[in-house]
Amino acid sequence: MVMRMNLPQADQNAFIDDVVQQRQGGVNALFFSNVKADWKVRVQTYLAVSGDPGSIPPWPYAQTHATKFQNLYENPAENSVQKPVLAALRSREFQLCPACGEDGTPNTLDHYLPKTIYPEFSITAWNLFPMCDICQGEKGTSTVNALNERLFLHPYFDQFLEVQVLQLQIGLPYEAPASMTLTPHPGLDPGQILLVGRHLGNLSIPSRYYRFFKDEYLRLLKLVRKIRDKGQDVTASLELFCENALEKSINSWGHIFYSGVLTNPALMDYLRQGELPENL
């Protein structure tokens, strides 16, 4: 699930000044000089509304000249102002995708507001963060639903992501669960629950998590058998696994899994003293 990230510290007004200055002498010099003031206003509006697409209507003039903005991201010159900024955003070493929480190193940047719809934010640091290929494919260019509500969590601005936002419920029978349910955590406020639900559904996270869950649950049963065979404390061991997963993120898939196990009293009773499957 989404990981809380620190907002990039950047003077975007100065950054735009430098980008425009570097365009002088080129074929788009007059365009960027004329658009600079409005471009700055758009970027400051983005910050003021925390990137909420429901509060930022697209800018038709920028869309008409989309290629000029998009080329700043897609084809930065070696000595360009934006190249080191983009390189710094790409250089963050994550062990999981900030958008879904799945293990793996995301190898590209996502534009929270798509550069095809909002080209003026193509190189805005606040609009860029790492994302795995699967999430990017699921997200596409979607931004809001029919009610003009944003569909996706924003790792820079949604501060509540510092707490656990998902709850895992494991169904019976515990030797081979017939179901698992991944839902927004009930401790969130109503608005946050709705937003997390939209994020989950539009990135297809529950179905993706289920594949992980099946393998992880089988591994859990095998580990519990070994723990019991050695006469060790099952609860203490699983708490340690949960703490280790927390090192990655409170919303990593591993932490969501072990948290769901440890907060299920009936399941914990089964793991401590129930009859485990023979064919593990």
C-alpha atoms as a PDB file:
ATOM      1  CA  MET A   1       0.000   0.000   0.000  1.00  0.00           C
ATOM      2  CA  VAL A   2       1.083   3.572  -0.435  1.00  0.00           C
ATOM      3  CA  MET A   3       4.159   4.594   1.456  1.00  0.00           C
ATOM      4  CA  ARG A   4       4.428   8.063   2.977  1.00  0.00           C
ATOM      5  CA  MET A   5       7.245  10.002   1.304  1.00  0.00           C
ATOM      6  CA  ASN A   6       8.854  13.292   2.220  1.00  0.00           C
ATOM      7  CA  LEU A   7       7.866  16.167  -0.043  1.00  0.00           C
ATOM      8  CA  PRO A   8      10.800  17.115  -2.296  1.00  0.00           C
ATOM      9  CA  GLN A   9      12.260  20.365  -1.067  1.00  0.00           C
ATOM     10  CA  ALA A  10      12.502  22.523  -4.153  1.00  0.00           C
ATOM     11  CA  ASP A  11      12.020  26.183  -4.989  1.00  0.00           C
ATOM     12  CA  GLN A  12       9.765  25.610  -7.970  1.00  0.00           C
ATOM     13  CA  ASN A  13       9.593  29.307  -8.903  1.00  0.00           C
ATOM     14  CA  ALA A  14      13.376  29.502  -9.180  1.00  0.00           C
ATOM     15  CA  PHE A  15      13.395  26.159 -10.968  1.00  0.00           C
ATOM     16  CA  ILE A  16      10.956  27.433 -13.603  1.00  0.00           C
ATOM     17  CA  ASP A  17      13.009  30.643 -13.978  1.00  0.00           C
ATOM     18  CA  ASP A  18      16.112  28.534 -14.659  1.00  0.00           C
ATOM     19  CA  VAL A  19      14.309  26.247 -17.108  1.00  0.00           C
ATOM     20  CA  VAL A  20      12.902  29.215 -19.040  1.00  0.00           C
ATOM     21  CA  GLN A  21      16.279  30.970 -19.068  1.00  0.00           C
ATOM     22  CA  GLN A  22      17.872  27.861 -20.510  1.00  0.00           C
ATOM     23  CA  ARG A  23      15.315  27.844 -23.322  1.00  0.00           C
ATOM     24  CA  GLN A  24      16.444  31.285 -24.500  1.00  0.00           C
ATOM     25  CA  GLY A  25      18.191  31.047 -27.826  1.00  0.00           C
ATOM     26  CA  GLY A  26      16.114  27.992 -28.759  1.00  0.00           C
ATOM     27  CA  VAL A  27      13.090  27.673 -31.021  1.00  0.00           C
ATOM     28  CA  ASN A  28      10.708  27.756 -28.027  1.00  0.00           C
ATOM     29  CA  ALA A  29      12.263  30.776 -26.307  1.00  0.00           C
ATOM     30  CA  LEU A  30       9.305  33.116 -26.820  1.00  0.00           C
ATOM     31  CA  PHE A  31       6.765  30.444 -25.828  1.00  0.00           C
ATOM     32  CA  PHE A  32       8.398  29.731 -22.468  1.00  0.00           C
ATOM     33  CA  SER A  33       8.981  33.411 -21.750  1.00  0.00           C
ATOM     34  CA  ASN A  34       5.313  34.164 -22.344  1.00  0.00           C
ATOM     35  CA  VAL A  35       4.046  31.205 -20.352  1.00  0.00           C
ATOM     36  CA  LYS A  36       6.381  31.513 -17.361  1.00  0.00           C
ATOM     37  CA  ALA A  37       4.115  33.530 -15.045  1.00  0.00           C
ATOM     38  CA  ASP A  38       1.054  31.331 -15.634  1.00  0.00           C
ATOM     39  CA  TRP A  39       3.195  28.196 -15.319  1.00  0.00           C
ATOM     40  CA  LYS A  40       4.359  29.323 -11.885  1.00  0.00           C
ATOM     41  CA  VAL A  41       0.768  29.960 -10.787  1.00  0.00           C
ATOM     42  CA  ARG A  42      -0.257  26.480 -11.901  1.00  0.00           C
ATOM     43  CA  VAL A  43       2.581  24.846  -9.942  1.00  0.00           C
ATOM     44  CA  GLN A  44       1.825  26.848  -6.806  1.00  0.00           C
ATOM     45  CA  THR A  45      -1.843  25.891  -7.142  1.00  0.00           C
ATOM     46  CA  TYR A  46      -0.766  22.246  -7.276  1.00  0.00           C
ATOM     47  CA  LEU A  47       0.991  22.679  -3.952  1.00  0.00           C
ATOM     48  CA  ALA A  48      -1.912  24.591  -2.399  1.00  0.00           C
ATOM     49  CA  VAL A  49      -4.440  21.833  -3.198  1.00  0.00           C
ATOM     50  CA  SER A  50      -2.006  18.950  -2.564  1.00  0.00           C
ATOM     51  CA  GLY A  51      -2.155  17.784  -6.162  1.00  0.00           C
ATOM     52  CA  ASP A  52      -5.899  17.050  -6.034  1.00  0.00           C
ATOM     53  CA  PRO A  53      -7.079  16.740  -9.661  1.00  0.00           C
ATOM     54  CA  GLY A  54     -10.623  17.541  -8.537  1.00  0.00           C
ATOM     55  CA  SER A  55      -9.384  21.037  -7.695  1.00  0.00           C
ATOM     56  CA  ILE A  56      -7.072  21.549 -10.691  1.00  0.00           C
ATOM     57  CA  PRO A  57      -8.879  21.665 -14.025  1.00  0.00           C
ATOM     58  CA  PRO A  58      -6.620  20.997 -17.007  1.00  0.00           C
ATOM     59  CA  TRP A  59      -5.018  23.986 -18.677  1.00  0.00           C
ATOM     60  CA  PRO A  60      -6.142  24.050 -22.352  1.00  0.00           C
ATOM     61  CA  TYR A  61      -3.267  26.287 -23.456  1.00  0.00           C
ATOM     62  CA  ALA A  62      -0.699  23.881 -22.004  1.00  0.00           C
ATOM     63  CA  GLN A  63      -2.460  20.948 -23.669  1.00  0.00           C
ATOM     64  CA  THR A  64      -2.213  22.733 -27.019  1.00  0.00           C
ATOM     65  CA  HIS A  65       1.552  22.960 -26.516  1.00  0.00           C
ATOM     66  CA  ALA A  66       1.923  19.677 -24.625  1.00  0.00           C
ATOM     67  CA  THR A  67       4.983  18.474 -26.530  1.00  0.00           C
ATOM     68  CA  LYS A  68       7.020  21.499 -25.486  1.00  0.00           C
ATOM     69  CA  PHE A  69       6.455  20.678 -21.805  1.00  0.00           C
ATOM     70  CA  GLN A  70       6.708  16.901 -22.176  1.00  0.00           C
ATOM     71  CA  ASN A  71      10.057  17.117 -23.974  1.00  0.00           C
ATOM     72  CA  LEU A  72      11.517  18.710 -20.845  1.00  0.00           C
ATOM     73  CA  TYR A  73      10.879  15.378 -19.118  1.00  0.00           C
ATOM     74  CA  GLU A  74      11.372  12.924 -21.951  1.00  0.00           C
ATOM     75  CA  ASN A  75      14.423  14.422 -23.636  1.00  0.00           C
ATOM     76  CA  PRO A  76      16.399  16.502 -21.119  1.00  0.00           C
ATOM     77  CA  ALA A  77      19.741  17.719 -22.458  1.00  0.00           C
ATOM     78  CA  GLU A  78      22.810  16.561 -20.592  1.00  0.00           C
ATOM     79  CA  ASN A  79      23.407  20.024 -19.127  1.00  0.00           C
ATOM     80  CA  SER A  80      19.745  20.870 -18.605  1.00  0.00           C
ATOM     81  CA  VAL A  81      18.425  22.268 -15.327  1.00  0.00           C
ATOM     82  CA  GLN A  82      15.868  19.486 -14.942  1.00  0.00           C
ATOM     83  CA  LYS A  83      18.125  16.490 -15.608  1.00  0.00           C
ATOM     84  CA  PRO A  84      19.746  16.347 -12.118  1.00  0.00           C
ATOM     85  CA  VAL A  85      16.334  16.925 -10.504  1.00  0.00           C
ATOM     86  CA  LEU A  86      14.843  13.974 -12.374  1.00  0.00           C
ATOM     87  CA  ALA A  87      17.923  11.861 -11.660  1.00  0.00           C
ATOM     88  CA  ALA A  88      17.614  12.573  -7.922  1.00  0.00           C
ATOM     89  CA  LEU A  89      13.952  11.514  -7.927  1.00  0.00           C
ATOM     90  CA  ARG A  90      14.854   8.296  -9.752  1.00  0.00           C
ATOM     91  CA  SER A  91      17.795   7.529  -7.480  1.00  0.00           C
ATOM     92  CA  ARG A  92      15.730   6.798  -4.368  1.00  0.00           C
ATOM     93  CA  GLU A  93      16.354   3.192  -3.449  1.00  0.00           C
ATOM     94  CA  PHE A  94      13.069   1.619  -2.421  1.00  0.00           C
ATOM     95  CA  GLN A  95      12.524  -2.030  -1.564  1.00  0.00           C
ATOM     96  CA  LEU A  96       8.852  -1.768  -2.473  1.00  0.00           C
ATOM     97  CA  CYS A  97       6.509   0.199  -4.695  1.00  0.00           C
ATOM     98  CA  PRO A  98       5.273   3.337  -2.893  1.00  0.00           C
ATOM     99  CA  ALA A  99       1.903   3.022  -4.642  1.00  0.00           C
ATOM    100  CA  CYS A 100       0.970  -0.570  -3.744  1.00  0.00           C
ATOM    101  CA  GLY A 101       3.465  -1.836  -1.156  1.00  0.00           C
ATOM    102  CA  GLU A 102       4.590  -4.878  -3.168  1.00  0.00           C
ATOM    103  CA  ASP A 103       8.228  -5.912  -2.812  1.00  0.00           C
ATOM    104  CA  GLY A 104      10.544  -4.907  -5.622  1.00  0.00           C
ATOM    105  CA  THR A 105      12.421  -1.838  -6.794  1.00  0.00           C
ATOM    106  CA  PRO A 106      10.215   0.460  -8.915  1.00  0.00           C
ATOM    107  CA  ASN A 107      12.214   1.391 -11.996  1.00  0.00           C
ATOM    108  CA  THR A 108      10.384   4.444 -13.298  1.00  0.00           C
ATOM    109  CA  LEU A 109       8.696   7.651 -12.209  1.00  0.00           C
ATOM    110  CA  ASP A 110       4.956   8.183 -12.281  1.00  0.00           C
ATOM    111  CA  HIS A 111       3.255  11.491 -12.956  1.00  0.00           C
ATOM    112  CA  TYR A 112       0.516  11.683 -10.310  1.00  0.00           C
ATOM    113  CA  LEU A 113      -1.315  14.059 -12.638  1.00  0.00           C
ATOM    114  CA  PRO A 114      -0.604  12.533 -16.081  1.00  0.00           C
ATOM    115  CA  LYS A 115       1.626  14.574 -18.345  1.00  0.00           C
ATOM    116  CA  THR A 116      -0.745  13.910 -21.269  1.00  0.00           C
ATOM    117  CA  ILE A 117      -3.522  15.803 -19.451  1.00  0.00           C
ATOM    118  CA  TYR A 118      -1.386  18.138 -17.325  1.00  0.00           C
ATOM    119  CA  PRO A 119       1.778  18.675 -19.414  1.00  0.00           C
ATOM    120  CA  GLU A 120       2.787  21.722 -17.344  1.00  0.00           C
ATOM    121  CA  PHE A 121       3.543  19.365 -14.420  1.00  0.00           C
ATOM    122  CA  SER A 122       5.833  17.115 -16.478  1.00  0.00           C
ATOM    123  CA  ILE A 123       8.923  18.124 -14.491  1.00  0.00           C
ATOM    124  CA  THR A 124       7.270  19.336 -11.268  1.00  0.00           C
ATOM    125  CA  ALA A 125       9.023  17.400  -8.482  1.00  0.00           C
ATOM    126  CA  TRP A 126       5.869  17.288  -6.352  1.00  0.00           C
ATOM    127  CA  ASN A 127       4.098  15.440  -9.194  1.00  0.00           C
ATOM    128  CA  LEU A 128       6.739  12.718  -9.603  1.00  0.00           C
ATOM    129  CA  PHE A 129       7.478   9.620  -7.543  1.00  0.00           C
ATOM    130  CA  PRO A 130       8.612   6.011  -8.151  1.00  0.00           C
ATOM    131  CA  MET A 131       6.002   3.428  -9.113  1.00  0.00           C
ATOM    132  CA  CYS A 132       6.130  -0.187 -10.278  1.00  0.00           C
ATOM    133  CA  ASP A 133       5.197  -1.094 -13.843  1.00  0.00           C
ATOM    134  CA  ILE A 134       2.026  -2.938 -12.785  1.00  0.00           C
ATOM    135  CA  CYS A 135       0.681   0.078 -10.899  1.00  0.00           C
ATOM    136  CA  GLN A 136       1.505   2.372 -13.803  1.00  0.00           C
ATOM    137  CA  GLY A 137      -0.370   0.092 -16.167  1.00  0.00           C
ATOM    138  CA  GLU A 138      -3.411  -0.021 -13.888  1.00  0.00           C
ATOM    139  CA  LYS A 139      -3.367   3.717 -13.176  1.00  0.00           C
ATOM    140  CA  GLY A 140      -2.953   4.862 -16.756  1.00  0.00           C
ATOM    141  CA  THR A 141      -4.220   8.421 -17.158  1.00  0.00           C
ATOM    142  CA  SER A 142      -7.110   8.118 -14.690  1.00  0.00           C
ATOM    143  CA  THR A 143      -7.472  10.951 -12.165  1.00  0.00           C
ATOM    144  CA  VAL A 144     -11.043  11.350 -10.826  1.00  0.00           C
ATOM    145  CA  ASN A 145     -14.340   9.465 -10.759  1.00  0.00           C
ATOM    146  CA  ALA A 146     -17.766  10.619 -11.953  1.00  0.00           C
ATOM    147  CA  LEU A 147     -18.157  12.643  -8.750  1.00  0.00           C
ATOM    148  CA  ASN A 148     -14.863  14.493  -9.394  1.00  0.00           C
ATOM    149  CA  GLU A 149     -13.217  12.675  -6.467  1.00  0.00           C
ATOM    150  CA  ARG A 150      -9.582  11.763  -6.846  1.00  0.00           C
ATOM    151  CA  LEU A 151      -8.885   8.080  -7.353  1.00  0.00           C
ATOM    152  CA  PHE A 152      -5.388   7.743  -5.947  1.00  0.00           C
ATOM    153  CA  LEU A 153      -3.508   8.426  -2.761  1.00  0.00           C
ATOM    154  CA  HIS A 154      -0.643  10.915  -2.958  1.00  0.00           C
ATOM    155  CA  PRO A 155       2.507   9.769  -1.123  1.00  0.00           C
ATOM    156  CA  TYR A 156       3.733  13.333  -0.585  1.00  0.00           C
ATOM    157  CA  PHE A 157       0.540  14.937   0.673  1.00  0.00           C
ATOM    158  CA  ASP A 158      -1.570  12.220   2.338  1.00  0.00           C
ATOM    159  CA  GLN A 159       0.045  12.362   5.760  1.00  0.00           C
ATOM    160  CA  PHE A 160      -2.240   9.686   7.230  1.00  0.00           C
ATOM    161  CA  LEU A 161      -0.207   7.134   5.251  1.00  0.00           C
ATOM    162  CA  GLU A 162       2.192   7.113   8.202  1.00  0.00           C
ATOM    163  CA  VAL A 163      -0.307   4.771   9.911  1.00  0.00           C
ATOM    164  CA  GLN A 164      -1.609   1.408   8.724  1.00  0.00           C
ATOM    165  CA  VAL A 165      -4.292   2.006   6.100  1.00  0.00           C
ATOM    166  CA  LEU A 166      -5.231  -1.589   5.232  1.00  0.00           C
ATOM    167  CA  GLN A 167      -6.735  -4.430   7.220  1.00  0.00           C
ATOM    168  CA  LEU A 168      -6.433  -8.092   6.251  1.00  0.00           C
ATOM    169  CA  GLN A 169      -9.180 -10.522   7.282  1.00  0.00           C
ATOM    170  CA  ILE A 170      -8.475 -14.222   6.855  1.00  0.00           C
ATOM    171  CA  GLY A 171     -11.392 -16.596   6.413  1.00  0.00           C
ATOM    172  CA  LEU A 172     -12.016 -20.145   7.542  1.00  0.00           C
ATOM    173  CA  PRO A 173     -10.891 -22.885   7.473  1.00  0.00           C
ATOM    174  CA  TYR A 174      -7.545 -21.845   8.899  1.00  0.00           C
ATOM    175  CA  GLU A 175      -5.704 -24.915   7.579  1.00  0.00           C
ATOM    176  CA  ALA A 176      -6.543 -23.675   4.056  1.00  0.00           C
ATOM    177  CA  PRO A 177      -8.426 -20.336   4.062  1.00  0.00           C
ATOM    178  CA  ALA A 178     -11.188 -20.124   1.502  1.00  0.00           C
ATOM    179  CA  SER A 179     -10.981 -16.337   1.417  1.00  0.00           C
ATOM    180  CA  MET A 180      -9.032 -13.298   2.391  1.00  0.00           C
ATOM    181  CA  THR A 181     -10.339  -9.740   2.407  1.00  0.00           C
ATOM    182  CA  LEU A 182      -8.249  -6.607   2.081  1.00  0.00           C
ATOM    183  CA  THR A 183     -10.111  -3.464   3.140  1.00  0.00           C
ATOM    184  CA  PRO A 184      -9.368   0.083   4.336  1.00  0.00           C
ATOM    185  CA  HIS A 185      -8.459   0.089   8.003  1.00  0.00           C
ATOM    186  CA  PRO A 186     -11.486   0.909  10.209  1.00  0.00           C
ATOM    187  CA  GLY A 187      -9.351   3.313  12.230  1.00  0.00           C
ATOM    188  CA  LEU A 188      -9.311   5.796   9.348  1.00  0.00           C
ATOM    189  CA  ASP A 189     -11.853   8.580   9.090  1.00  0.00           C
ATOM    190  CA  PRO A 190     -14.761   8.139   6.610  1.00  0.00           C
ATOM    191  CA  GLY A 191     -13.208  10.271   3.877  1.00  0.00           C
ATOM    192  CA  GLN A 192      -9.899   8.448   4.123  1.00  0.00           C
ATOM    193  CA  ILE A 193     -11.665   5.073   3.990  1.00  0.00           C
ATOM    194  CA  LEU A 194     -13.401   6.042   0.746  1.00  0.00           C
ATOM    195  CA  LEU A 195     -10.149   7.321  -0.794  1.00  0.00           C
ATOM    196  CA  VAL A 196      -8.199   4.213   0.207  1.00  0.00           C
ATOM    197  CA  GLY A 197     -11.003   2.082  -1.246  1.00  0.00           C
ATOM    198  CA  ARG A 198     -10.805   3.913  -4.580  1.00  0.00           C
ATOM    199  CA  HIS A 199      -7.025   3.553  -4.620  1.00  0.00           C
ATOM    200  CA  LEU A 200      -7.291  -0.185  -3.891  1.00  0.00           C
ATOM    201  CA  GLY A 201      -9.826  -0.826  -6.600  1.00  0.00           C
ATOM    202  CA  ASN A 202      -8.278   1.269  -9.342  1.00  0.00           C
ATOM    203  CA  LEU A 203      -4.849  -0.345  -8.899  1.00  0.00           C
ATOM    204  CA  SER A 204      -6.391  -3.857  -8.601  1.00  0.00           C
ATOM    205  CA  ILE A 205      -4.492  -4.344  -5.357  1.00  0.00           C
ATOM    206  CA  PRO A 206      -6.820  -6.921  -3.696  1.00  0.00           C
ATOM    207  CA  SER A 207      -6.504  -9.423  -6.559  1.00  0.00           C
ATOM    208  CA  ARG A 208      -2.758  -8.838  -6.786  1.00  0.00           C
ATOM    209  CA  TYR A 209      -2.405  -9.246  -3.004  1.00  0.00           C
ATOM    210  CA  TYR A 210      -4.336 -12.524  -3.060  1.00  0.00           C
ATOM    211  CA  ARG A 211      -1.600 -14.191  -5.104  1.00  0.00           C
ATOM    212  CA  PHE A 212       0.953 -13.037  -2.538  1.00  0.00           C
ATOM    213  CA  PHE A 213      -1.319 -14.110   0.318  1.00  0.00           C
ATOM    214  CA  LYS A 214      -1.649 -17.714  -0.880  1.00  0.00           C
ATOM    215  CA  ASP A 215       2.110 -18.250  -0.918  1.00  0.00           C
ATOM    216  CA  GLU A 216       2.698 -16.320   2.312  1.00  0.00           C
ATOM    217  CA  TYR A 217       0.019 -18.232   4.212  1.00  0.00           C
ATOM    218  CA  LEU A 218       1.456 -21.591   3.211  1.00  0.00           C
ATOM    219  CA  ARG A 219       4.857 -20.338   4.318  1.00  0.00           C
ATOM    220  CA  LEU A 220       3.301 -19.226   7.628  1.00  0.00           C
ATOM    221  CA  LEU A 221       1.934 -22.707   8.333  1.00  0.00           C
ATOM    222  CA  LYS A 222       5.323 -24.248   7.588  1.00  0.00           C
ATOM    223  CA  LEU A 223       7.077 -21.763   9.874  1.00  0.00           C
ATOM    224  CA  VAL A 224       4.589 -22.323  12.682  1.00  0.00           C
ATOM    225  CA  ARG A 225       5.125 -26.085  12.501  1.00  0.00           C
ATOM    226  CA  LYS A 226       8.884 -25.557  12.882  1.00  0.00           C
ATOM    227  CA  ILE A 227       8.359 -23.093  15.735  1.00  0.00           C
ATOM    228  CA  ARG A 228       6.111 -25.538  17.585  1.00  0.00           C
ATOM    229  CA  ASP A 229       8.437 -28.482  16.929  1.00  0.00           C
ATOM    230  CA  LYS A 230      11.244 -26.511  18.587  1.00  0.00           C
ATOM    231  CA  GLY A 231       9.072 -25.619  21.567  1.00  0.00           C
ATOM    232  CA  GLN A 232       9.271 -21.910  20.828  1.00  0.00           C
ATOM    233  CA  ASP A 233       6.593 -19.287  21.442  1.00  0.00           C
ATOM    234  CA  VAL A 234       4.428 -18.896  18.336  1.00  0.00           C
ATOM    235  CA  THR A 235       3.117 -15.433  19.226  1.00  0.00           C
ATOM    236  CA  ALA A 236       6.541 -14.019  20.026  1.00  0.00           C
ATOM    237  CA  SER A 237       7.980 -15.428  16.799  1.00  0.00           C
ATOM    238  CA  LEU A 238       5.214 -13.974  14.638  1.00  0.00           C
ATOM    239  CA  GLU A 239       5.520 -10.613  16.394  1.00  0.00           C
ATOM    240  CA  LEU A 240       9.186 -10.618  15.416  1.00  0.00           C
ATOM    241  CA  PHE A 241       8.300 -11.365  11.779  1.00  0.00           C
ATOM    242  CA  CYS A 242       5.801  -8.511  11.897  1.00  0.00           C
ATOM    243  CA  GLU A 243       8.403  -6.116  13.300  1.00  0.00           C
ATOM    244  CA  ASN A 244      10.854  -7.114  10.576  1.00  0.00           C
ATOM    245  CA  ALA A 245       8.239  -6.375   7.905  1.00  0.00           C
ATOM    246  CA  LEU A 246       7.577  -3.019   9.552  1.00  0.00           C
ATOM    247  CA  GLU A 247      11.158  -2.017   8.787  1.00  0.00           C
ATOM    248  CA  LYS A 248      10.159  -1.693   5.132  1.00  0.00           C
ATOM    249  CA  SER A 249       6.881   0.123   5.701  1.00  0.00           C
ATOM    250  CA  ILE A 250       3.838  -0.073   7.935  1.00  0.00           C
ATOM    251  CA  ASN A 251       1.872  -0.600   4.723  1.00  0.00           C
ATOM    252  CA  SER A 252       4.172  -3.158   3.119  1.00  0.00           C
ATOM    253  CA  TRP A 253       2.488  -6.375   2.046  1.00  0.00           C
ATOM    254  CA  GLY A 254       4.418  -8.352   4.660  1.00  0.00           C
ATOM    255  CA  HIS A 255       3.408  -6.107   7.535  1.00  0.00           C
ATOM    256  CA  ILE A 256      -0.231  -6.082   6.443  1.00  0.00           C
ATOM    257  CA  PHE A 257      -0.114  -9.888   6.388  1.00  0.00           C
ATOM    258  CA  TYR A 258       1.412 -10.447   9.828  1.00  0.00           C
ATOM    259  CA  SER A 259      -0.696  -7.699  11.365  1.00  0.00           C
ATOM    260  CA  GLY A 260      -3.792  -9.469  10.035  1.00  0.00           C
ATOM    261  CA  VAL A 261      -2.620 -12.741  11.552  1.00  0.00           C
ATOM    262  CA  LEU A 262      -1.711 -11.334  14.955  1.00  0.00           C
ATOM    263  CA  THR A 263      -4.953  -9.380  15.380  1.00  0.00           C
ATOM    264  CA  ASN A 264      -7.116 -12.441  14.667  1.00  0.00           C
ATOM    265  CA  PRO A 265      -7.583 -14.221  18.054  1.00  0.00           C
ATOM    266  CA  ALA A 266      -9.214 -17.324  16.575  1.00  0.00           C
ATOM    267  CA  LEU A 267      -6.468 -17.738  13.997  1.00  0.00           C
ATOM    268  CA  MET A 268      -3.765 -17.245  16.630  1.00  0.00           C
ATOM    269  CA  ASP A 269      -5.380 -19.953  18.804  1.00  0.00           C
ATOM    270  CA  TYR A 270      -5.283 -22.265  15.805  1.00  0.00           C
ATOM    271  CA  LEU A 271      -1.636 -21.499  15.084  1.00  0.00           C
ATOM    272  CA  ARG A 272      -0.633 -22.028  18.711  1.00  0.00           C
ATOM    273  CA  GLN A 273      -2.461 -25.299  19.319  1.00  0.00           C
ATOM    274  CA  GLY A 274      -4.577 -26.356  16.346  1.00  0.00           C
ATOM    275  CA  GLU A 275      -3.940 -29.357  14.120  1.00  0.00           C
ATOM    276  CA  LEU A 276      -1.791 -28.181  11.228  1.00  0.00           C
ATOM    277  CA  PRO A 277      -2.127 -29.763   7.752  1.00  0.00           C
ATOM    278  CA  GLU A 278      -0.018 -32.879   7.276  1.00  0.00           C
ATOM    279  CA  ASN A 279       1.091 -32.117   3.720  1.00  0.00           C
ATOM    280  CA  LEU A 280       3.030 -28.924   4.322  1.00  0.00           C
END
